[in-house]
Protein backbone atom coordinates (compact mmCIF):
# COMPACT_ATOMS: atom_id res chain seq x y z
CA MET A 1 9.13 -22.75 7.56
CA ASN A 2 6.72 -19.80 7.82
CA LYS A 3 6.24 -18.17 4.43
CA ILE A 4 4.79 -14.68 4.43
CA SER A 5 4.30 -12.03 1.76
CA ILE A 6 4.08 -8.39 2.83
CA ASP A 7 3.37 -5.32 0.73
CA ILE A 8 4.38 -2.42 2.99
CA GLY A 9 2.48 0.63 1.80
CA TYR A 10 2.51 4.17 3.14
CA SER A 11 -1.09 3.96 4.36
CA SER A 12 -1.44 0.25 5.14
CA SER A 13 0.54 -2.95 4.91
CA LYS A 14 -1.05 -5.86 3.09
CA ILE A 15 -0.17 -9.38 4.14
CA MET A 16 -0.68 -12.87 2.74
CA PHE A 17 -0.03 -15.71 5.18
CA ASN A 18 -1.33 -19.29 4.98
CA GLU A 19 -3.57 -18.28 2.03
CA ASN A 20 -5.30 -15.62 4.16
CA PHE A 21 -5.18 -11.85 3.73
CA TYR A 22 -4.59 -9.28 6.47
CA LYS A 23 -4.18 -5.52 6.52
CA VAL A 24 -2.73 -3.30 9.23
CA PRO A 25 -2.26 0.49 9.19
CA THR A 26 1.30 1.57 8.46
CA ALA A 27 1.10 3.85 11.45
CA ILE A 28 3.60 4.64 14.19
CA SER A 29 3.41 7.00 17.17
CA PHE A 30 5.44 7.62 20.28
CA ALA A 31 4.16 5.78 23.37
CA ASN A 32 3.87 8.33 26.15
CA ASP A 33 3.21 7.33 29.76
CA ALA A 34 -0.15 8.93 30.59
CA GLY A 35 -0.19 7.47 34.09
CA ILE A 36 -3.34 5.48 33.41
CA GLU A 37 -3.17 1.74 34.00
CA PHE A 38 -6.68 0.81 32.88
CA GLY A 39 -7.08 -1.26 29.73
CA GLU A 40 -4.51 -2.78 27.41
CA SER A 41 -2.22 -0.82 25.13
CA GLU A 42 0.73 -2.76 23.77
CA THR A 43 3.93 -0.83 23.21
CA TYR A 44 7.18 -1.81 21.56
CA GLU A 45 10.70 -0.71 22.46
CA PHE A 46 12.65 -0.14 19.30
CA GLU A 47 16.04 1.53 18.86
CA GLY A 48 15.86 3.44 22.13
CA GLU A 49 12.23 4.63 21.99
CA LYS A 50 8.81 3.19 22.81
CA TYR A 51 6.13 3.18 20.13
CA TYR A 52 2.54 2.26 19.37
CA VAL A 53 2.05 0.49 16.04
CA GLY A 54 -0.94 0.01 13.73
CA GLU A 55 -4.39 0.76 15.12
CA ALA A 56 -2.91 1.62 18.53
CA ALA A 57 -0.95 4.53 17.02
CA GLY A 58 -4.18 6.55 16.95
CA ASP A 59 -4.43 10.22 16.03
CA GLU A 60 -0.80 10.97 16.85
CA SER A 61 0.63 8.69 14.18
CA PHE A 62 3.48 10.04 12.08
CA THR A 63 2.42 11.34 8.69
CA THR A 64 5.04 10.78 6.04
CA THR A 65 5.40 9.67 2.47
CA ASP A 66 9.19 9.48 2.50
CA TYR A 67 11.32 6.34 2.07
CA LYS A 68 13.24 7.30 5.22
CA PHE A 69 10.11 6.37 7.18
CA LEU A 70 10.18 2.83 5.74
CA ASP A 71 13.91 2.50 6.33
CA LYS A 72 13.45 3.50 9.96
CA PHE A 73 10.19 1.77 10.87
CA ALA A 74 9.65 -1.16 8.48
CA PRO A 75 11.37 -3.58 10.93
CA LEU A 76 8.99 -2.50 13.70
CA ILE A 77 5.94 -2.82 11.42
CA VAL A 78 7.03 -6.30 10.33
CA TYR A 79 7.66 -7.35 13.95
CA HIS A 80 4.16 -6.12 14.85
CA ILE A 81 2.73 -8.22 12.01
CA PHE A 82 4.60 -11.30 13.21
CA ARG A 83 3.23 -10.77 16.72
CA LYS A 84 -0.35 -10.33 15.51
CA LEU A 85 -0.19 -13.50 13.42
CA GLY A 86 1.78 -15.56 15.95
CA ILE A 87 4.69 -16.10 13.56
CA GLU A 88 8.01 -17.27 15.00
CA GLY A 89 10.82 -19.65 14.13
CA ASP A 90 12.07 -19.97 10.56
CA ILE A 91 10.60 -17.16 8.47
CA GLU A 92 10.80 -16.68 4.72
CA MET A 93 9.51 -13.25 3.79
CA VAL A 94 9.03 -11.62 0.39
CA THR A 95 8.22 -7.97 -0.16
CA GLY A 96 8.61 -5.14 -2.67
CA LEU A 97 9.20 -1.40 -2.97
CA ALA A 98 7.79 1.43 -5.02
CA LEU A 99 9.65 2.11 -8.26
CA SER A 100 10.74 5.47 -6.88
CA ASP A 101 12.36 3.61 -3.94
CA TRP A 102 13.70 0.67 -5.94
CA SER A 103 17.34 1.78 -5.70
CA HIS A 104 17.15 0.97 -1.96
CA ARG A 105 16.10 -2.67 -2.45
CA ILE A 106 19.37 -4.29 -1.26
CA ALA A 107 19.62 -2.13 1.83
CA PHE A 108 15.91 -2.66 2.54
CA ALA A 109 16.28 -6.46 2.45
CA GLU A 110 19.28 -6.23 4.79
CA ARG A 111 17.33 -3.95 7.14
CA LEU A 112 14.59 -6.60 7.45
CA ALA A 113 16.94 -9.59 7.75
CA PHE A 114 17.56 -9.08 11.49
CA ILE A 115 14.83 -7.32 13.47
CA GLU A 116 15.41 -6.38 17.11
CA VAL A 117 12.41 -5.20 19.14
CA ASP A 118 11.80 -5.45 22.91
CA GLY A 119 15.21 -7.05 23.26
CA ASN A 120 14.19 -9.92 20.96
CA THR A 121 15.96 -10.62 17.69
CA VAL A 122 14.03 -12.13 14.79
CA ALA A 123 15.98 -13.39 11.78
CA THR A 124 14.23 -13.58 8.44
CA ASN A 125 15.19 -14.83 5.03
CA CYS A 126 13.97 -11.60 3.40
CA LYS A 127 13.86 -11.02 -0.33
CA VAL A 128 12.71 -7.88 -2.12
CA VAL A 129 11.36 -9.73 -5.14
CA GLY A 130 10.15 -6.86 -7.30
CA PRO A 131 8.92 -3.31 -7.52
CA GLN A 132 5.31 -2.70 -6.58
CA GLY A 133 3.34 -3.52 -9.70
CA SER A 134 5.35 -6.63 -10.58
CA GLY A 135 3.25 -8.58 -8.08
CA VAL A 136 0.15 -7.19 -9.79
CA TYR A 137 1.31 -8.64 -13.10
CA ASN A 138 2.03 -12.07 -11.58
CA THR A 139 -1.41 -12.09 -9.98
CA TYR A 140 -3.15 -11.14 -13.23
CA ILE A 141 -1.41 -13.98 -15.09
CA ALA A 142 -2.37 -16.46 -12.35
CA GLU A 143 -5.99 -15.23 -12.11
CA ASN A 144 -6.48 -15.65 -15.85
CA GLU A 145 -4.30 -18.77 -16.23
CA LEU A 146 -2.12 -17.14 -18.88
CA TYR A 147 1.08 -18.94 -17.91
CA ASN A 148 1.71 -20.06 -21.51
CA ASP A 149 0.07 -17.08 -23.17
CA HIS A 150 1.41 -13.87 -21.65
CA PRO A 151 0.14 -10.68 -23.30
CA LYS A 152 2.36 -9.56 -26.16
CA SER A 153 2.56 -6.18 -24.46
CA CYS A 154 1.18 -5.18 -21.08
CA CYS A 155 1.17 -2.07 -18.92
CA VAL A 156 0.54 -2.09 -15.18
CA ILE A 157 -0.69 1.06 -13.47
CA ASP A 158 -0.42 0.35 -9.76
CA ILE A 159 -2.17 3.15 -7.87
CA GLY A 160 -0.97 3.27 -4.29
CA TYR A 161 -1.36 5.78 -1.51
CA ARG A 162 1.78 7.78 -2.24
CA THR A 163 2.99 6.63 -5.65
CA ILE A 164 1.68 5.44 -8.97
CA ASN A 165 3.94 2.75 -10.39
CA PHE A 166 3.95 2.34 -14.17
CA LEU A 167 5.42 -0.96 -15.42
CA TYR A 168 5.69 -2.41 -18.91
CA PHE A 169 6.06 -6.07 -19.94
CA GLU A 170 6.60 -7.81 -23.29
CA LYS A 171 5.62 -11.50 -23.26
CA GLY A 172 6.14 -11.54 -19.52
CA ALA A 173 9.56 -9.89 -19.58
CA PRO A 174 9.82 -6.55 -17.71
CA MET A 175 11.14 -3.69 -19.84
CA GLN A 176 13.20 -1.57 -17.44
CA THR A 177 13.55 1.45 -19.73
CA ARG A 178 9.76 1.75 -20.07
CA MET A 179 9.03 1.83 -16.34
CA LYS A 180 8.38 4.95 -14.29
CA GLY A 181 7.39 5.97 -10.78
CA PHE A 182 5.05 8.90 -10.21
CA PRO A 183 5.56 9.90 -6.55
CA GLY A 184 2.92 12.18 -5.08
CA HIS A 185 0.28 11.18 -7.64
CA GLY A 186 -1.41 8.47 -5.55
CA VAL A 187 -4.43 8.80 -3.29
CA VAL A 188 -2.42 11.13 -1.04
CA SER A 189 -2.79 13.81 -3.72
CA ILE A 190 -6.42 14.38 -2.66
CA MET A 191 -6.29 13.33 0.98
CA LYS A 192 -4.89 16.63 2.29
CA THR A 193 -7.79 18.43 0.62
CA PHE A 194 -10.24 16.06 2.31
CA SER A 195 -8.68 16.41 5.78
CA ASN A 196 -8.73 20.22 5.39
CA TYR A 197 -12.41 20.03 4.44
CA LEU A 198 -13.19 17.95 7.54
CA GLU A 199 -11.28 20.31 9.80
CA SER A 200 -12.95 23.46 8.45
CA THR A 201 -16.41 21.85 8.49
CA TYR A 202 -16.29 20.33 11.97
CA GLY A 203 -13.86 22.70 13.70
CA MET A 204 -11.45 20.03 14.90
CA PRO A 205 -8.28 18.41 13.58
CA PHE A 206 -8.40 15.16 11.58
CA SER A 207 -5.24 13.12 11.08
CA GLU A 208 -4.43 11.76 7.66
CA GLN A 209 -5.25 8.23 8.85
CA GLU A 210 -8.64 9.37 10.18
CA ALA A 211 -9.45 11.20 6.95
CA LEU A 212 -8.42 8.19 4.87
CA LYS A 213 -10.65 5.85 6.89
CA ILE A 214 -13.66 8.15 6.44
CA PHE A 215 -12.87 8.50 2.75
CA MET A 216 -12.68 4.73 2.20
CA ASP A 217 -15.77 4.06 4.37
CA GLY A 218 -17.70 6.62 2.35
CA GLU A 219 -19.53 8.05 5.35
CA LEU A 220 -19.14 9.90 8.63
CA SER A 221 -21.28 9.83 11.76
CA PHE A 222 -20.90 13.07 13.75
CA GLY A 223 -22.70 13.38 17.07
CA GLY A 224 -24.67 10.26 16.17
CA VAL A 225 -25.91 11.79 12.91
CA ILE A 226 -24.84 10.54 9.46
CA GLN A 227 -23.44 13.51 7.55
CA GLU A 228 -25.24 13.72 4.22
CA ASP A 229 -22.66 15.97 2.53
CA ILE A 230 -19.75 13.55 3.02
CA PRO A 231 -20.62 11.15 0.13
CA ASN A 232 -20.96 14.13 -2.23
CA LYS A 233 -17.58 15.51 -1.17
CA ILE A 234 -15.96 12.11 -1.61
CA ALA A 235 -17.52 11.71 -5.07
CA ASP A 236 -16.17 15.15 -6.04
CA LEU A 237 -12.68 14.26 -4.87
CA LYS A 238 -12.78 10.91 -6.67
CA ASN A 239 -13.60 12.79 -9.87
CA LYS A 240 -10.67 15.15 -9.24
CA PHE A 241 -8.41 12.14 -8.68
CA VAL A 242 -9.44 10.66 -12.03
CA GLN A 243 -8.78 13.99 -13.73
CA LYS A 244 -5.32 14.14 -12.17
CA LEU A 245 -4.64 10.59 -13.33
CA ILE A 246 -5.78 11.42 -16.86
CA ASN A 247 -3.58 14.52 -16.91
CA SER A 248 -0.47 12.80 -15.56
CA VAL A 249 0.17 9.11 -16.26
CA LEU A 250 -2.47 8.66 -18.92
CA VAL A 251 -1.14 11.63 -20.89
CA SER A 252 2.61 11.02 -20.61
CA GLU A 253 2.19 7.33 -21.46
CA LYS A 254 -0.75 7.68 -23.84
CA LYS A 255 0.94 6.05 -26.84
CA THR A 256 2.20 3.08 -24.82
CA LEU A 257 -1.23 2.57 -23.26
CA GLN A 258 -3.07 2.71 -26.57
CA LEU A 259 -0.69 0.26 -28.28
CA SER A 260 -0.55 -2.26 -25.43
CA GLN A 261 -2.54 -5.46 -25.70
CA THR A 262 -3.44 -5.27 -22.01
CA VAL A 263 -3.47 -2.45 -19.45
CA ILE A 264 -3.93 -3.57 -15.84
CA MET A 265 -5.31 -1.03 -13.37
CA ALA A 266 -4.41 -2.14 -9.86
CA GLY A 267 -3.77 -1.17 -6.27
CA GLY A 268 -6.07 0.25 -3.63
CA GLY A 269 -6.46 3.44 -5.66
CA SER A 270 -7.98 1.52 -8.57
CA TYR A 271 -11.25 1.26 -6.60
CA LEU A 272 -11.66 4.98 -7.29
CA ILE A 273 -11.76 4.49 -11.06
CA GLU A 274 -13.77 1.28 -11.38
CA ASP A 275 -16.77 3.16 -12.76
CA VAL A 276 -14.80 5.34 -15.18
CA PRO A 277 -15.18 4.38 -18.87
CA MET A 278 -11.91 2.88 -20.09
CA PRO A 279 -10.67 1.47 -23.43
CA PRO A 280 -11.39 -2.24 -24.08
CA ASN A 281 -7.78 -3.23 -23.36
CA THR A 282 -8.14 -2.08 -19.73
CA LYS A 283 -8.39 -4.84 -17.13
CA PHE A 284 -8.66 -4.91 -13.34
CA ASN A 285 -7.37 -7.43 -10.85
CA LYS A 286 -10.01 -9.37 -8.97
CA ASN A 287 -11.09 -8.16 -5.55
CA PRO A 288 -9.60 -7.47 -3.09
CA LYS A 289 -7.49 -5.36 -5.46
CA GLU A 290 -5.18 -3.92 -2.80
CA PHE A 291 -3.72 -7.40 -2.17
CA ALA A 292 -2.63 -8.01 -5.77
CA ASN A 293 1.03 -7.23 -5.07
CA CYS A 294 1.42 -9.45 -2.00
CA ARG A 295 -0.42 -12.25 -3.83
CA GLY A 296 2.01 -11.88 -6.73
CA TYR A 297 5.04 -11.77 -4.46
CA ALA A 298 3.87 -15.01 -2.81
CA LEU A 299 3.85 -16.71 -6.23
CA VAL A 300 7.63 -16.20 -6.32
CA GLN A 301 7.94 -18.32 -3.17
CA GLN A 302 6.17 -21.32 -4.69
């Protein structure tokens, strides 16, 4: 039995398989025949069209932050992951969804149960085991060996690319009425500004995936010259992101955050606020932070 945990995000998909971590871009583009037969470029035929997936999608990858994208292309992304990792046979897969997409969890599991690509059908025992953020909590408990001493009250702020997920637990039990999704407040909220800056500065288009890579790398080489203004622009946008966070989630949930024994900041977006002064009850998952959900989902399989 192959057991795999996948956290399918809107910018990248995080994977845990055989205790190892992997990350692939959640990127899809149409595969057009350019008439050039030099080099390798793997394509997939899926539901009547041919596509590039992941790194191969390149600059023409679809840009979307809508659940309809996941519903359409998650099977293809998962199939691509299986191919990259050489996974076949009996497959037990666990995954999650953003809180704002949680109402689709049953249909999402069914969508991933039978995957047909390139005329091949892959059956999976797929379970959507929790909203994004629940895996973060499981990972925090495991990292700190708090199995018999869960925090009396705990908030999780899972900062993803598209959505910030806010979860609340009491002695390990999730409190549904205290949970919220904040779509549009993730890293994407500053990425359009950054891509516009790149385009106006260098006079050429930059896809969202390209802009995100430069942003996360923290540097840009243009014409063989490291651009000195890029780190300053990134620092400015990080500061704006923190201000947006403070004026959205941290304001609307201020009382809950202040009264909670533990507040866990998690997700790939939490790297942006590591250096921001926080109250003593604020904790971070261990690095690599972006894998906290898939690590926590995998704990459900054990």
